[in-house]
């Protein structure tokens, strides 16, 4: 079965908005594992606007499933990953000022650099994955870097699926078929949600892992909101003076 790795960046965003340590990222990640997720993903950025580099070290102590660290392999990021040695590092070419990841690697143009990075991580026994668009030529080039896996960038699929165009899955299916043929493991992520995840997973052969954060946390707010509102109401009712 495809593994679910939960990205906890949004938990860190909520914590940082108040300047304290609530919600505690480590506690939430631990709970998510207890709830059944098979992995924890983080994507620290240089400005630490959500996940901080220290979070990565703290999470290493409690992640008992798979620990996936995503990011642009600048020196600070590379040094951190080599020290922590997570289960997997996912290389993402996001700009420093990017709000979120918005493109996969050009594995033809950056093949030499990616090959160097993959080799460096392999020396420490870290599985590598390259964030990539559903483009057959780029996937073929990714295999030449020595990477273990690719992570299909699924924003366009999610957009097309939301518009009712199920044919938007076609380039992802074709990419998965090719990846399987040339020995690359397949991960996927970005804008996958409860609405589209089943259709996507059913149509991608040998999908190993999905990394989901924004949608999962947002959906959790809605699906758990009624329960929490009523818990507060029950607490307040318990404070009412007893009559008679």
C-alpha atoms as a PDB file:
ATOM      1  CA  UNK A   1       0.000   0.000   0.000  1.00  0.00           C
ATOM      2  CA  UNK A   2       1.131   3.556  -0.692  1.00  0.00           C
ATOM      3  CA  UNK A   3       2.632   5.153   2.415  1.00  0.00           C
ATOM      4  CA  UNK A   4       1.297   8.448   3.768  1.00  0.00           C
ATOM      5  CA  UNK A   5       3.928  10.921   4.933  1.00  0.00           C
ATOM      6  CA  UNK A   6       2.412  13.954   6.644  1.00  0.00           C
ATOM      7  CA  UNK A   7       4.067  17.329   6.121  1.00  0.00           C
ATOM      8  CA  UNK A   8       3.932  19.272   9.401  1.00  0.00           C
ATOM      9  CA  UNK A   9       5.042  22.650   8.027  1.00  0.00           C
ATOM     10  CA  UNK A  10       1.610  24.165   8.658  1.00  0.00           C
ATOM     11  CA  UNK A  11       1.793  23.177  12.322  1.00  0.00           C
ATOM     12  CA  UNK A  12       5.033  25.152  12.557  1.00  0.00           C
ATOM     13  CA  UNK A  13       3.401  28.113  10.775  1.00  0.00           C
ATOM     14  CA  UNK A  14       0.646  28.169  13.383  1.00  0.00           C
ATOM     15  CA  UNK A  15       3.170  27.932  16.210  1.00  0.00           C
ATOM     16  CA  UNK A  16       5.332  30.715  14.816  1.00  0.00           C
ATOM     17  CA  UNK A  17       2.367  33.060  14.423  1.00  0.00           C
ATOM     18  CA  UNK A  18       2.175  33.442  18.225  1.00  0.00           C
ATOM     19  CA  UNK A  19       5.872  33.296  18.999  1.00  0.00           C
ATOM     20  CA  UNK A  20       5.627  30.462  21.521  1.00  0.00           C
ATOM     21  CA  UNK A  21       5.746  26.701  21.277  1.00  0.00           C
ATOM     22  CA  UNK A  22       2.081  25.858  20.867  1.00  0.00           C
ATOM     23  CA  UNK A  23       1.189  23.771  19.016  1.00  0.00           C
ATOM     24  CA  UNK A  24       4.371  21.840  19.637  1.00  0.00           C
ATOM     25  CA  UNK A  25       5.634  20.446  16.335  1.00  0.00           C
ATOM     26  CA  UNK A  26       7.350  17.444  17.896  1.00  0.00           C
ATOM     27  CA  UNK A  27       4.245  16.449  19.892  1.00  0.00           C
ATOM     28  CA  UNK A  28       1.987  16.800  16.860  1.00  0.00           C
ATOM     29  CA  UNK A  29       4.361  14.749  14.710  1.00  0.00           C
ATOM     30  CA  UNK A  30       4.489  12.052  17.373  1.00  0.00           C
ATOM     31  CA  UNK A  31       0.685  11.988  17.551  1.00  0.00           C
ATOM     32  CA  UNK A  32       0.396  11.799  13.758  1.00  0.00           C
ATOM     33  CA  UNK A  33       2.563   8.695  13.811  1.00  0.00           C
ATOM     34  CA  UNK A  34       0.389   7.213  16.550  1.00  0.00           C
ATOM     35  CA  UNK A  35      -2.676   7.924  14.411  1.00  0.00           C
ATOM     36  CA  UNK A  36      -1.229   5.698  11.685  1.00  0.00           C
ATOM     37  CA  UNK A  37       0.819   7.837   9.295  1.00  0.00           C
ATOM     38  CA  UNK A  38       3.854   6.014   7.914  1.00  0.00           C
ATOM     39  CA  UNK A  39       6.083   9.060   7.720  1.00  0.00           C
ATOM     40  CA  UNK A  40       6.759  12.662   8.698  1.00  0.00           C
ATOM     41  CA  UNK A  41       7.848  15.258   6.135  1.00  0.00           C
ATOM     42  CA  UNK A  42       9.297  18.709   6.722  1.00  0.00           C
ATOM     43  CA  UNK A  43      10.457  21.378   4.290  1.00  0.00           C
ATOM     44  CA  UNK A  44      12.683  23.898   6.088  1.00  0.00           C
ATOM     45  CA  UNK A  45      13.426  27.080   4.180  1.00  0.00           C
ATOM     46  CA  UNK A  46      16.333  29.488   4.730  1.00  0.00           C
ATOM     47  CA  UNK A  47      14.138  32.125   6.389  1.00  0.00           C
ATOM     48  CA  UNK A  48      12.660  29.490   8.747  1.00  0.00           C
ATOM     49  CA  UNK A  49       9.203  30.982   8.297  1.00  0.00           C
ATOM     50  CA  UNK A  50       7.619  27.705   9.323  1.00  0.00           C
ATOM     51  CA  UNK A  51       9.839  24.700  10.086  1.00  0.00           C
ATOM     52  CA  UNK A  52      13.040  25.761  11.791  1.00  0.00           C
ATOM     53  CA  UNK A  53      16.326  23.949  11.354  1.00  0.00           C
ATOM     54  CA  UNK A  54      16.234  23.091  15.054  1.00  0.00           C
ATOM     55  CA  UNK A  55      12.870  21.388  14.474  1.00  0.00           C
ATOM     56  CA  UNK A  56      14.583  18.987  12.101  1.00  0.00           C
ATOM     57  CA  UNK A  57      17.023  17.919  14.813  1.00  0.00           C
ATOM     58  CA  UNK A  58      14.263  17.661  17.427  1.00  0.00           C
ATOM     59  CA  UNK A  59      12.051  15.581  15.144  1.00  0.00           C
ATOM     60  CA  UNK A  60      14.872  13.158  14.404  1.00  0.00           C
ATOM     61  CA  UNK A  61      14.671  12.037  18.042  1.00  0.00           C
ATOM     62  CA  UNK A  62      11.018  10.985  17.860  1.00  0.00           C
ATOM     63  CA  UNK A  63      10.289   9.936  14.279  1.00  0.00           C
ATOM     64  CA  UNK A  64      10.007   6.161  14.375  1.00  0.00           C
ATOM     65  CA  UNK A  65       8.477   5.796  10.906  1.00  0.00           C
ATOM     66  CA  UNK A  66      10.141   7.457   7.905  1.00  0.00           C
ATOM     67  CA  UNK A  67      11.646  10.920   8.171  1.00  0.00           C
ATOM     68  CA  UNK A  68      11.623  12.853   4.895  1.00  0.00           C
ATOM     69  CA  UNK A  69      13.356  16.236   4.679  1.00  0.00           C
ATOM     70  CA  UNK A  70      12.603  18.310   1.590  1.00  0.00           C
ATOM     71  CA  UNK A  71      14.402  21.369   0.354  1.00  0.00           C
ATOM     72  CA  UNK A  72      16.693  23.173  -2.011  1.00  0.00           C
ATOM     73  CA  UNK A  73      20.192  21.713  -1.544  1.00  0.00           C
ATOM     74  CA  UNK A  74      21.959  24.901  -0.516  1.00  0.00           C
ATOM     75  CA  UNK A  75      24.939  24.401   1.803  1.00  0.00           C
ATOM     76  CA  UNK A  76      23.031  24.967   5.050  1.00  0.00           C
ATOM     77  CA  UNK A  77      20.392  22.439   4.011  1.00  0.00           C
ATOM     78  CA  UNK A  78      22.911  19.852   2.832  1.00  0.00           C
ATOM     79  CA  UNK A  79      24.979  20.120   6.027  1.00  0.00           C
ATOM     80  CA  UNK A  80      21.853  19.673   8.152  1.00  0.00           C
ATOM     81  CA  UNK A  81      20.644  16.611   6.240  1.00  0.00           C
ATOM     82  CA  UNK A  82      24.061  14.967   6.326  1.00  0.00           C
ATOM     83  CA  UNK A  83      24.195  15.415  10.102  1.00  0.00           C
ATOM     84  CA  UNK A  84      20.637  14.215  10.790  1.00  0.00           C
ATOM     85  CA  UNK A  85      20.644  11.351   8.275  1.00  0.00           C
ATOM     86  CA  UNK A  86      16.884  11.087   7.700  1.00  0.00           C
ATOM     87  CA  UNK A  87      15.321   8.150   5.904  1.00  0.00           C
ATOM     88  CA  UNK A  88      14.961  10.249   2.762  1.00  0.00           C
ATOM     89  CA  UNK A  89      15.967  13.610   1.372  1.00  0.00           C
ATOM     90  CA  UNK A  90      13.806  15.136  -1.362  1.00  0.00           C
ATOM     91  CA  UNK A  91      15.581  17.690  -3.506  1.00  0.00           C
ATOM     92  CA  UNK A  92      13.329  20.603  -4.472  1.00  0.00           C
ATOM     93  CA  UNK A  93      14.467  23.561  -6.622  1.00  0.00           C
ATOM     94  CA  UNK A  94      12.406  26.202  -4.840  1.00  0.00           C
ATOM     95  CA  UNK A  95      13.596  29.785  -4.840  1.00  0.00           C
ATOM     96  CA  UNK A  96      14.450  31.372  -1.496  1.00  0.00           C
ATOM     97  CA  UNK A  97      11.393  33.643  -1.683  1.00  0.00           C
ATOM     98  CA  UNK A  98       8.958  31.022  -2.987  1.00  0.00           C
ATOM     99  CA  UNK A  99       5.717  30.765  -1.002  1.00  0.00           C
ATOM    100  CA  UNK A 100       5.539  27.081  -1.855  1.00  0.00           C
ATOM    101  CA  UNK A 101       7.194  24.710  -4.307  1.00  0.00           C
ATOM    102  CA  UNK A 102       6.136  25.656  -7.813  1.00  0.00           C
ATOM    103  CA  UNK A 103       8.275  23.637 -10.222  1.00  0.00           C
ATOM    104  CA  UNK A 104      10.262  20.451 -10.523  1.00  0.00           C
ATOM    105  CA  UNK A 105      13.938  20.116 -11.448  1.00  0.00           C
ATOM    106  CA  UNK A 106      15.245  20.485 -14.954  1.00  0.00           C
ATOM    107  CA  UNK A 107      17.201  17.268 -14.631  1.00  0.00           C
ATOM    108  CA  UNK A 108      18.873  17.788 -17.997  1.00  0.00           C
ATOM    109  CA  UNK A 109      20.252  21.242 -17.259  1.00  0.00           C
ATOM    110  CA  UNK A 110      21.161  20.430 -13.639  1.00  0.00           C
ATOM    111  CA  UNK A 111      22.138  16.789 -14.109  1.00  0.00           C
ATOM    112  CA  UNK A 112      25.760  17.166 -13.021  1.00  0.00           C
ATOM    113  CA  UNK A 113      24.802  19.063  -9.866  1.00  0.00           C
ATOM    114  CA  UNK A 114      22.069  16.594  -8.932  1.00  0.00           C
ATOM    115  CA  UNK A 115      24.377  13.649  -9.560  1.00  0.00           C
ATOM    116  CA  UNK A 116      26.897  15.200  -7.168  1.00  0.00           C
ATOM    117  CA  UNK A 117      24.226  15.782  -4.516  1.00  0.00           C
ATOM    118  CA  UNK A 118      22.795  12.279  -4.800  1.00  0.00           C
ATOM    119  CA  UNK A 119      26.251  10.743  -4.435  1.00  0.00           C
ATOM    120  CA  UNK A 120      26.965  12.839  -1.344  1.00  0.00           C
ATOM    121  CA  UNK A 121      23.740  11.775   0.367  1.00  0.00           C
ATOM    122  CA  UNK A 122      24.269   8.150  -0.609  1.00  0.00           C
ATOM    123  CA  UNK A 123      27.621   8.169   1.176  1.00  0.00           C
ATOM    124  CA  UNK A 124      25.657   8.719   4.393  1.00  0.00           C
ATOM    125  CA  UNK A 125      23.092   6.045   3.539  1.00  0.00           C
ATOM    126  CA  UNK A 126      20.300   8.547   2.832  1.00  0.00           C
ATOM    127  CA  UNK A 127      17.693   7.633   0.209  1.00  0.00           C
ATOM    128  CA  UNK A 128      17.262  10.388  -2.360  1.00  0.00           C
ATOM    129  CA  UNK A 129      14.243  11.619  -4.274  1.00  0.00           C
ATOM    130  CA  UNK A 130      14.071  14.360  -6.917  1.00  0.00           C
ATOM    131  CA  UNK A 131      11.012  16.607  -7.183  1.00  0.00           C
ATOM    132  CA  UNK A 132      10.033  16.574 -10.834  1.00  0.00           C
ATOM    133  CA  UNK A 133       7.315  17.446 -13.346  1.00  0.00           C
ATOM    134  CA  UNK A 134       5.508  14.710 -15.258  1.00  0.00           C
ATOM    135  CA  UNK A 135       7.864  14.973 -18.226  1.00  0.00           C
ATOM    136  CA  UNK A 136       9.302  11.793 -19.729  1.00  0.00           C
ATOM    137  CA  UNK A 137      12.580  13.356 -20.869  1.00  0.00           C
ATOM    138  CA  UNK A 138      13.200  14.817 -17.430  1.00  0.00           C
ATOM    139  CA  UNK A 139      12.449  11.484 -15.779  1.00  0.00           C
ATOM    140  CA  UNK A 140      14.893   9.708 -18.066  1.00  0.00           C
ATOM    141  CA  UNK A 141      17.514  12.312 -17.152  1.00  0.00           C
ATOM    142  CA  UNK A 142      16.719  11.907 -13.444  1.00  0.00           C
ATOM    143  CA  UNK A 143      17.635   8.238 -13.624  1.00  0.00           C
ATOM    144  CA  UNK A 144      21.119   9.223 -14.800  1.00  0.00           C
ATOM    145  CA  UNK A 145      21.734  11.122 -11.561  1.00  0.00           C
ATOM    146  CA  UNK A 146      21.626   7.889  -9.569  1.00  0.00           C
ATOM    147  CA  UNK A 147      18.607   8.985  -7.519  1.00  0.00           C
ATOM    148  CA  UNK A 148      16.560   6.293  -5.825  1.00  0.00           C
ATOM    149  CA  UNK A 149      13.193   7.928  -6.428  1.00  0.00           C
ATOM    150  CA  UNK A 150      11.373  10.788  -8.037  1.00  0.00           C
ATOM    151  CA  UNK A 151       8.551  12.780  -6.478  1.00  0.00           C
ATOM    152  CA  UNK A 152       5.955  13.712  -9.081  1.00  0.00           C
ATOM    153  CA  UNK A 153       4.866  17.348  -8.734  1.00  0.00           C
ATOM    154  CA  UNK A 154       1.087  16.963  -8.776  1.00  0.00           C
ATOM    155  CA  UNK A 155      -0.247  20.532  -8.793  1.00  0.00           C
ATOM    156  CA  UNK A 156      -1.387  20.354 -12.431  1.00  0.00           C
ATOM    157  CA  UNK A 157      -3.141  17.028 -11.844  1.00  0.00           C
ATOM    158  CA  UNK A 158      -5.010  18.496  -8.863  1.00  0.00           C
ATOM    159  CA  UNK A 159      -5.993  21.555 -10.891  1.00  0.00           C
ATOM    160  CA  UNK A 160      -7.329  19.479 -13.793  1.00  0.00           C
ATOM    161  CA  UNK A 161      -9.118  17.049 -11.499  1.00  0.00           C
ATOM    162  CA  UNK A 162     -10.810  19.960  -9.745  1.00  0.00           C
ATOM    163  CA  UNK A 163     -12.056  21.143 -13.131  1.00  0.00           C
ATOM    164  CA  UNK A 164     -13.537  17.715 -13.817  1.00  0.00           C
ATOM    165  CA  UNK A 165     -10.837  16.693 -16.285  1.00  0.00           C
ATOM    166  CA  UNK A 166      -9.829  13.196 -15.257  1.00  0.00           C
ATOM    167  CA  UNK A 167      -7.622  12.935 -18.343  1.00  0.00           C
ATOM    168  CA  UNK A 168      -5.206  15.126 -16.405  1.00  0.00           C
ATOM    169  CA  UNK A 169      -3.906  11.917 -14.866  1.00  0.00           C
ATOM    170  CA  UNK A 170      -2.490  10.716 -18.209  1.00  0.00           C
ATOM    171  CA  UNK A 171       0.983  12.334 -18.076  1.00  0.00           C
ATOM    172  CA  UNK A 172       1.392  11.108 -14.496  1.00  0.00           C
ATOM    173  CA  UNK A 173       0.435   7.569 -15.441  1.00  0.00           C
ATOM    174  CA  UNK A 174       2.859   7.622 -18.363  1.00  0.00           C
ATOM    175  CA  UNK A 175       5.583   9.038 -16.127  1.00  0.00           C
ATOM    176  CA  UNK A 176       5.003   6.282 -13.581  1.00  0.00           C
ATOM    177  CA  UNK A 177       5.172   3.575 -16.232  1.00  0.00           C
ATOM    178  CA  UNK A 178       8.501   4.935 -17.467  1.00  0.00           C
ATOM    179  CA  UNK A 179       9.873   5.345 -13.952  1.00  0.00           C
ATOM    180  CA  UNK A 180       9.004   1.736 -13.171  1.00  0.00           C
ATOM    181  CA  UNK A 181      10.706   0.580 -16.361  1.00  0.00           C
ATOM    182  CA  UNK A 182      13.980   2.364 -15.576  1.00  0.00           C
ATOM    183  CA  UNK A 183      14.089   1.431 -11.907  1.00  0.00           C
ATOM    184  CA  UNK A 184      13.002   4.636 -10.180  1.00  0.00           C
ATOM    185  CA  UNK A 185      10.742   4.539  -7.140  1.00  0.00           C
ATOM    186  CA  UNK A 186       7.744   6.862  -7.297  1.00  0.00           C
ATOM    187  CA  UNK A 187       6.598   9.377  -4.693  1.00  0.00           C
ATOM    188  CA  UNK A 188       4.114  12.191  -5.248  1.00  0.00           C
ATOM    189  CA  UNK A 189       3.054  15.425  -3.637  1.00  0.00           C
ATOM    190  CA  UNK A 190       1.559  18.908  -3.905  1.00  0.00           C
ATOM    191  CA  UNK A 191      -2.156  19.723  -3.749  1.00  0.00           C
ATOM    192  CA  UNK A 192      -3.185  16.121  -3.192  1.00  0.00           C
ATOM    193  CA  UNK A 193      -6.278  16.004  -0.987  1.00  0.00           C
ATOM    194  CA  UNK A 194      -9.149  13.852   0.214  1.00  0.00           C
ATOM    195  CA  UNK A 195     -10.984  14.803  -2.981  1.00  0.00           C
ATOM    196  CA  UNK A 196      -8.371  13.530  -5.417  1.00  0.00           C
ATOM    197  CA  UNK A 197      -5.999  11.159  -3.609  1.00  0.00           C
ATOM    198  CA  UNK A 198      -7.914   7.949  -4.255  1.00  0.00           C
ATOM    199  CA  UNK A 199      -8.239   8.568  -7.987  1.00  0.00           C
ATOM    200  CA  UNK A 200      -4.570   9.500  -8.219  1.00  0.00           C
ATOM    201  CA  UNK A 201      -3.311   6.488  -6.272  1.00  0.00           C
ATOM    202  CA  UNK A 202      -5.536   4.085  -8.205  1.00  0.00           C
ATOM    203  CA  UNK A 203      -4.033   5.240 -11.482  1.00  0.00           C
ATOM    204  CA  UNK A 204      -0.327   5.422 -10.609  1.00  0.00           C
ATOM    205  CA  UNK A 205       1.307   1.980 -10.698  1.00  0.00           C
ATOM    206  CA  UNK A 206       3.645   1.220  -7.807  1.00  0.00           C
ATOM    207  CA  UNK A 207       3.146   4.545  -6.045  1.00  0.00           C
ATOM    208  CA  UNK A 208       5.350   4.217  -2.974  1.00  0.00           C
ATOM    209  CA  UNK A 209       4.626   7.378  -0.997  1.00  0.00           C
ATOM    210  CA  UNK A 210       2.546  10.537  -0.967  1.00  0.00           C
ATOM    211  CA  UNK A 211       3.555  13.599   1.031  1.00  0.00           C
ATOM    212  CA  UNK A 212       0.579  15.719   2.079  1.00  0.00           C
ATOM    213  CA  UNK A 213       0.515  18.748   4.348  1.00  0.00           C
ATOM    214  CA  UNK A 214      -1.566  21.799   3.486  1.00  0.00           C
ATOM    215  CA  UNK A 215      -4.731  19.935   2.457  1.00  0.00           C
ATOM    216  CA  UNK A 216      -4.499  17.395   5.267  1.00  0.00           C
ATOM    217  CA  UNK A 217      -4.128  20.033   7.981  1.00  0.00           C
ATOM    218  CA  UNK A 218      -6.890  22.182   6.475  1.00  0.00           C
ATOM    219  CA  UNK A 219      -9.228  19.194   6.205  1.00  0.00           C
ATOM    220  CA  UNK A 220      -8.421  18.295   9.795  1.00  0.00           C
ATOM    221  CA  UNK A 221      -9.606  21.739  10.895  1.00  0.00           C
ATOM    222  CA  UNK A 222     -12.952  21.230   9.208  1.00  0.00           C
ATOM    223  CA  UNK A 223     -13.472  17.581  10.076  1.00  0.00           C
ATOM    224  CA  UNK A 224     -12.513  18.146  13.706  1.00  0.00           C
ATOM    225  CA  UNK A 225     -14.018  21.597  14.217  1.00  0.00           C
ATOM    226  CA  UNK A 226     -17.496  20.495  15.264  1.00  0.00           C
ATOM    227  CA  UNK A 227     -16.068  18.112  17.832  1.00  0.00           C
ATOM    228  CA  UNK A 228     -13.836  20.770  19.407  1.00  0.00           C
ATOM    229  CA  UNK A 229     -16.587  23.430  19.483  1.00  0.00           C
ATOM    230  CA  UNK A 230     -18.833  21.019  21.360  1.00  0.00           C
ATOM    231  CA  UNK A 231     -16.035  20.056  23.730  1.00  0.00           C
ATOM    232  CA  UNK A 232     -15.722  23.725  24.684  1.00  0.00           C
ATOM    233  CA  UNK A 233     -19.495  24.001  25.113  1.00  0.00           C
ATOM    234  CA  UNK A 234     -19.517  20.960  27.389  1.00  0.00           C
ATOM    235  CA  UNK A 235     -16.739  22.458  29.497  1.00  0.00           C
ATOM    236  CA  UNK A 236     -18.725  25.663  29.880  1.00  0.00           C
ATOM    237  CA  UNK A 237     -21.927  23.815  30.697  1.00  0.00           C
ATOM    238  CA  UNK A 238     -20.090  22.075  33.493  1.00  0.00           C
ATOM    239  CA  UNK A 239     -19.520  25.515  35.062  1.00  0.00           C
ATOM    240  CA  UNK A 240     -23.202  26.418  35.266  1.00  0.00           C
ATOM    241  CA  UNK A 241     -24.544  26.649  38.818  1.00  0.00           C
ATOM    242  CA  UNK A 242     -26.593  23.687  39.812  1.00  0.00           C
ATOM    243  CA  UNK A 243     -30.300  24.434  40.256  1.00  0.00           C
ATOM    244  CA  UNK A 244     -32.142  23.132  43.353  1.00  0.00           C
END
